[in-house]
Protein backbone atom coordinates (compact mmCIF):
# COMPACT_ATOMS: atom_id res chain seq x y z
CA MET A 1 -285.57 -42.24 78.39
CA LEU A 2 -285.62 -45.94 77.28
CA SER A 3 -288.87 -47.42 78.69
CA TYR A 4 -290.54 -48.27 75.38
CA ARG A 5 -290.44 -51.99 74.62
CA HIS A 6 -291.74 -53.08 71.16
CA ALA A 7 -292.90 -56.44 72.62
CA PHE A 8 -295.98 -54.97 74.04
CA HIS A 9 -297.06 -53.87 70.29
CA ALA A 10 -295.58 -56.63 68.23
CA GLY A 11 -297.64 -57.77 65.37
CA ASN A 12 -300.25 -54.86 65.65
CA HIS A 13 -301.71 -52.95 62.72
CA ALA A 14 -298.63 -50.51 62.43
CA ASP A 15 -296.33 -53.67 62.32
CA VAL A 16 -298.48 -55.12 59.61
CA LEU A 17 -298.24 -51.76 57.53
CA LYS A 18 -294.52 -51.32 57.97
CA HIS A 19 -293.52 -55.15 57.36
CA LEU A 20 -295.80 -55.33 54.39
CA LEU A 21 -293.86 -52.24 53.00
CA LEU A 22 -290.39 -53.74 54.21
CA VAL A 23 -290.99 -57.05 51.93
CA GLN A 24 -291.75 -54.97 49.16
CA LEU A 25 -288.93 -52.80 49.27
CA ILE A 26 -286.27 -55.34 49.72
CA HIS A 27 -287.78 -57.47 46.60
CA TYR A 28 -287.36 -54.22 44.68
CA LEU A 29 -283.61 -53.90 45.62
CA LYS A 30 -283.11 -57.76 44.75
CA GLN A 31 -284.18 -57.33 41.11
CA LYS A 32 -280.53 -56.50 40.35
CA ASP A 33 -277.69 -58.64 41.28
CA LYS A 34 -275.85 -55.93 42.72
CA PRO A 35 -275.56 -56.28 46.59
CA PHE A 36 -277.21 -53.79 49.14
CA TRP A 37 -277.25 -53.17 52.62
CA VAL A 38 -280.26 -52.83 54.95
CA ILE A 39 -279.77 -50.32 57.88
CA ASP A 40 -282.25 -50.63 60.60
CA THR A 41 -281.86 -47.56 63.07
CA HIS A 42 -284.14 -48.79 65.73
CA ALA A 43 -283.91 -52.65 65.66
CA GLY A 44 -285.78 -53.72 68.45
CA ALA A 45 -285.52 -57.52 69.62
CA GLY A 46 -285.83 -59.13 66.18
CA LEU A 47 -288.15 -61.69 67.65
CA TYR A 48 -291.15 -61.46 69.66
CA ALA A 49 -293.21 -64.06 71.54
CA LEU A 50 -297.04 -63.73 71.39
CA ASP A 51 -298.07 -66.24 73.79
CA GLU A 52 -296.10 -65.08 76.71
CA GLY A 53 -294.39 -62.08 78.24
CA TYR A 54 -295.03 -58.51 77.15
CA ALA A 55 -297.25 -59.28 74.18
CA THR A 56 -299.92 -61.10 76.33
CA LYS A 57 -300.46 -57.60 78.08
CA LEU A 58 -301.97 -55.95 75.43
CA HIS A 59 -302.99 -58.54 72.97
CA GLU A 60 -302.39 -55.79 69.92
CA TYR A 61 -301.40 -58.48 67.53
CA GLU A 62 -305.11 -60.01 67.68
CA THR A 63 -306.11 -56.73 66.00
CA GLY A 64 -303.10 -56.90 63.42
CA ILE A 65 -301.47 -60.21 62.27
CA GLY A 66 -303.94 -62.01 64.03
CA ARG A 67 -306.96 -60.91 61.61
CA LEU A 68 -305.04 -61.75 58.46
CA TRP A 69 -303.82 -65.15 59.96
CA SER A 70 -306.56 -67.48 58.87
CA ARG A 71 -308.16 -65.68 56.18
CA PRO A 72 -308.14 -67.27 52.42
CA ASP A 73 -308.61 -64.25 50.62
CA LEU A 74 -305.30 -62.50 50.97
CA PRO A 75 -304.16 -60.09 48.33
CA ALA A 76 -300.77 -61.66 46.97
CA SER A 77 -298.47 -59.05 48.68
CA ILE A 78 -300.29 -59.67 52.10
CA ALA A 79 -300.04 -63.29 51.33
CA GLU A 80 -296.33 -63.09 50.88
CA TYR A 81 -295.78 -61.21 54.24
CA VAL A 82 -297.84 -63.68 56.21
CA ASP A 83 -295.95 -66.61 54.77
CA LEU A 84 -293.00 -65.10 56.17
CA VAL A 85 -294.39 -64.99 59.64
CA ARG A 86 -295.77 -68.62 59.11
CA GLN A 87 -292.18 -69.73 58.83
CA LEU A 88 -291.72 -68.95 62.52
CA ASN A 89 -295.44 -70.92 63.33
CA PRO A 90 -294.85 -73.83 61.42
CA ASP A 91 -297.53 -75.85 63.33
CA GLY A 92 -300.17 -73.01 62.09
CA LYS A 93 -300.48 -71.49 65.77
CA LEU A 94 -299.60 -67.76 65.92
CA ARG A 95 -296.76 -67.78 68.81
CA VAL A 96 -293.98 -65.90 67.22
CA TYR A 97 -293.93 -62.53 65.49
CA PRO A 98 -290.56 -61.27 63.43
CA GLY A 99 -289.42 -57.80 63.89
CA SER A 100 -287.88 -55.74 61.03
CA PRO A 101 -284.45 -57.30 61.46
CA TRP A 102 -285.44 -61.12 60.97
CA LEU A 103 -287.77 -60.37 57.99
CA ALA A 104 -285.00 -58.48 56.25
CA TRP A 105 -282.51 -61.13 57.05
CA HIS A 106 -284.59 -63.91 55.51
CA LEU A 107 -285.10 -62.00 52.37
CA MET A 108 -281.57 -60.95 51.75
CA ARG A 109 -279.09 -62.73 49.75
CA GLU A 110 -275.60 -64.06 50.24
CA GLN A 111 -273.98 -60.81 49.09
CA ASP A 112 -276.25 -58.30 50.92
CA ARG A 113 -275.47 -56.99 54.47
CA LEU A 114 -277.55 -55.99 57.49
CA ARG A 115 -276.73 -53.23 59.74
CA LEU A 116 -278.60 -52.79 63.03
CA PHE A 117 -278.81 -50.32 65.70
CA GLU A 118 -280.44 -50.95 69.04
CA LEU A 119 -279.76 -48.59 72.09
CA HIS A 120 -282.08 -50.34 74.73
CA SER A 121 -280.01 -52.50 76.77
CA SER A 122 -282.46 -55.58 77.16
CA ASP A 123 -283.56 -55.54 73.69
CA GLY A 124 -280.08 -55.27 72.76
CA ARG A 125 -279.08 -58.37 74.43
CA LEU A 126 -282.06 -60.33 72.73
CA LEU A 127 -281.14 -59.03 69.40
CA GLN A 128 -277.57 -60.37 69.79
CA GLU A 129 -279.03 -63.59 70.90
CA ASN A 130 -281.32 -63.87 67.97
CA PHE A 131 -278.61 -63.15 65.25
CA LYS A 132 -275.98 -65.04 67.19
CA ASP A 133 -275.37 -67.29 64.37
CA ALA A 134 -275.88 -64.69 61.60
CA GLY A 135 -271.82 -64.62 60.87
CA ARG A 136 -270.27 -61.33 59.72
CA ARG A 137 -273.13 -60.37 57.22
CA VAL A 138 -274.79 -58.80 60.35
CA THR A 139 -273.42 -56.21 62.62
CA ILE A 140 -275.33 -54.76 65.72
CA ALA A 141 -274.52 -51.90 67.42
CA ALA A 142 -275.33 -51.02 70.73
CA THR A 143 -275.81 -47.16 70.08
CA ASP A 144 -278.33 -44.40 69.08
CA GLY A 145 -279.15 -45.32 65.43
CA PHE A 146 -279.74 -41.80 64.57
CA ALA A 147 -276.37 -40.88 65.53
CA GLY A 148 -274.82 -44.05 64.00
CA LEU A 149 -276.17 -43.66 60.66
CA LYS A 150 -274.21 -41.26 59.44
CA ALA A 151 -271.02 -43.39 59.74
CA LEU A 152 -272.62 -45.83 57.27
CA LEU A 153 -273.76 -43.44 54.57
CA PRO A 154 -273.12 -44.01 51.78
CA PRO A 155 -273.06 -47.68 52.07
CA ALA A 156 -269.98 -49.43 50.18
CA PRO A 157 -272.17 -50.93 47.48
CA ARG A 158 -274.10 -47.47 46.98
CA ARG A 159 -277.38 -49.44 47.21
CA GLY A 160 -279.45 -49.72 50.19
CA LEU A 161 -282.49 -49.44 52.35
CA ILE A 162 -282.74 -47.31 55.27
CA LEU A 163 -285.54 -48.18 57.87
CA ILE A 164 -286.03 -45.39 60.52
CA ASP A 165 -288.83 -46.27 63.30
CA PRO A 166 -288.21 -44.79 66.51
CA ALA A 167 -290.50 -45.30 69.45
CA TYR A 168 -291.58 -41.45 69.30
CA GLU A 169 -292.02 -41.74 73.10
CA MET A 170 -289.97 -38.36 73.43
CA ARG A 171 -291.23 -35.22 71.47
CA GLU A 172 -287.47 -34.68 70.36
CA ASP A 173 -287.76 -37.97 68.22
CA TYR A 174 -289.82 -36.22 65.39
CA GLN A 175 -287.08 -33.69 65.26
CA HIS A 176 -284.55 -36.36 65.37
CA VAL A 177 -286.02 -37.95 62.31
CA LEU A 178 -286.06 -34.44 60.28
CA HIS A 179 -282.60 -33.68 61.16
CA ALA A 180 -281.50 -37.41 60.41
CA LEU A 181 -282.77 -37.15 56.75
CA ARG A 182 -281.70 -33.53 56.56
CA ASP A 183 -277.92 -34.54 57.62
CA ASN A 184 -277.90 -37.94 55.58
CA LEU A 185 -279.74 -37.23 52.31
CA PRO A 186 -277.01 -35.43 50.74
CA ARG A 187 -274.57 -38.24 51.58
CA PHE A 188 -276.62 -40.93 50.07
CA SER A 189 -279.20 -39.17 47.93
CA THR A 190 -279.96 -42.29 45.74
CA GLY A 191 -281.08 -44.33 48.92
CA LEU A 192 -284.27 -46.01 49.41
CA TYR A 193 -285.41 -44.45 53.11
CA ALA A 194 -288.55 -45.85 54.69
CA LEU A 195 -289.78 -43.79 57.46
CA TRP A 196 -292.32 -44.96 60.08
CA TYR A 197 -294.58 -43.01 62.33
CA PRO A 198 -297.55 -43.34 64.40
CA GLN A 199 -300.91 -41.46 63.96
CA LEU A 200 -301.30 -39.89 67.45
CA ALA A 201 -303.37 -37.04 69.04
CA LYS A 202 -300.18 -34.98 69.10
CA PRO A 203 -299.24 -32.00 67.01
CA GLU A 204 -295.93 -33.42 66.20
CA SER A 205 -297.37 -36.56 64.85
CA ALA A 206 -299.88 -34.65 62.54
CA GLN A 207 -297.24 -32.07 61.24
CA LEU A 208 -294.76 -34.67 60.45
CA PRO A 209 -295.76 -35.71 56.98
CA ASP A 210 -295.90 -32.18 55.61
CA LYS A 211 -292.21 -31.30 57.28
CA LEU A 212 -291.06 -34.37 55.43
CA LYS A 213 -292.65 -33.25 52.21
CA ARG A 214 -291.16 -30.06 52.55
CA LEU A 215 -287.70 -31.27 53.36
CA VAL A 216 -287.46 -34.04 50.47
CA GLY A 217 -289.57 -32.00 47.65
CA LYS A 218 -289.82 -35.00 45.41
CA ASN A 219 -289.51 -38.58 44.79
CA TRP A 220 -291.41 -39.60 47.87
CA LEU A 221 -294.51 -41.87 48.48
CA HIS A 222 -296.68 -41.35 51.83
CA VAL A 223 -299.29 -43.89 52.97
CA THR A 224 -301.12 -44.12 56.06
CA LEU A 225 -303.60 -46.86 57.60
CA THR A 226 -305.93 -45.46 60.14
CA VAL A 227 -307.83 -48.16 61.88
CA CYS A 228 -310.23 -46.26 64.12
CA THR A 229 -311.60 -42.94 65.21
CA PRO A 230 -309.02 -40.98 67.42
CA ALA A 231 -310.34 -41.47 71.19
CA ALA A 232 -312.13 -38.40 72.74
CA GLU A 233 -309.71 -38.39 75.48
CA GLY A 234 -306.69 -37.96 73.00
CA MET A 235 -304.92 -41.29 74.05
CA GLY A 236 -303.69 -44.17 72.00
CA MET A 237 -302.41 -44.75 68.40
CA HIS A 238 -305.39 -44.92 66.19
CA GLY A 239 -303.18 -45.54 62.89
CA SER A 240 -299.72 -45.21 61.58
CA GLY A 241 -297.83 -44.10 58.33
CA MET A 242 -294.77 -44.66 56.15
CA PHE A 243 -292.87 -42.10 54.02
CA ILE A 244 -290.88 -43.51 51.24
CA ILE A 245 -288.14 -41.52 49.84
CA ASN A 246 -287.12 -42.79 46.06
CA PRO A 247 -290.02 -45.35 46.11
CA PRO A 248 -290.14 -48.20 43.68
CA TRP A 249 -292.31 -47.13 40.56
CA THR A 250 -294.68 -50.27 41.52
CA LEU A 251 -295.33 -49.53 44.81
CA HIS A 252 -298.08 -47.06 44.41
CA ALA A 253 -300.02 -49.52 42.25
CA MET A 254 -299.42 -52.38 44.97
CA LEU A 255 -300.88 -50.04 47.71
CA LYS A 256 -303.70 -48.78 45.81
CA GLU A 257 -304.90 -52.30 45.47
CA THR A 258 -304.01 -53.58 48.82
CA LEU A 259 -304.96 -50.75 51.32
CA PRO A 260 -308.84 -51.18 50.82
CA TYR A 261 -308.39 -54.59 51.92
CA LEU A 262 -306.33 -53.77 54.93
CA VAL A 263 -309.07 -51.06 55.95
CA LYS A 264 -311.96 -53.74 55.72
CA THR A 265 -309.99 -56.30 57.58
CA LEU A 266 -308.14 -54.30 60.27
CA GLY A 267 -310.45 -51.39 60.56
CA GLN A 268 -312.20 -51.24 63.99
CA ASP A 269 -314.77 -48.62 63.35
CA GLU A 270 -316.25 -46.33 60.84
CA GLY A 271 -313.13 -44.04 61.43
CA ALA A 272 -311.05 -46.62 59.50
CA ARG A 273 -309.28 -45.21 56.06
CA PHE A 274 -306.21 -44.68 54.21
CA ILE A 275 -304.22 -42.07 52.41
CA LEU A 276 -302.16 -42.70 49.63
CA GLU A 277 -300.02 -39.95 47.83
CA GLN A 278 -296.98 -39.57 46.06
CA GLN A 279 -294.90 -37.00 44.29
CA LEU A 280 -292.28 -37.84 41.63
CA ALA A 281 -289.50 -36.11 39.81
């Protein structure tokens, strides 16, 4: 099934958490001169209009990036992420939101490489169009990112960030995530892995963090941002989480400082909260 279109949800609270972390992880990799790859297993379209099309159906960006857009008190890490979004909106009006591929591309250096997977035919065409002038530093494959990942690991420079963020529209996606890590961690054990997942009223969602902890064992960081109390009828996403394997040592301190601000700013009711935990070697 390939009905999911991220354009409906672009710029929401989950994107804020995911992209805030993505920016920090790429900056960490840039601390060394040696090149690295960013591999995005579910790249989407790369760019999203917020003032037309799918995003206007739900207006989810209004409770995500929209709540940060005009605030004068942003913590430094959040301000850096918001400034990147501003590059797409130079007149100051929030009309376009970048996906993970665009953010990665604009943070990477000449020696770094971007590898993108997108199986959805419509989003794949948009992704190709959005990166038509990127040259050979970017490759796009119209195939399943879970299947394609194995052929790329380990990356040639032996340094890389693997972003795994499927739609989870199918129950099998949770198992695909675990299988992908089980198969690929031995191939690239020193890689930086960033896994996103939704907080839903489903056992697969609730059980995923503990399954990841048991699989990885050590050198992980787990963060969640819950923005509201789960709906009584069990529908909708009330938050999201990121599970980072081989996290930068500075990441925990940054999140400890930043997450209370996100809860205060993006929280929708008294159920808003965060979890931050890690297990080092």
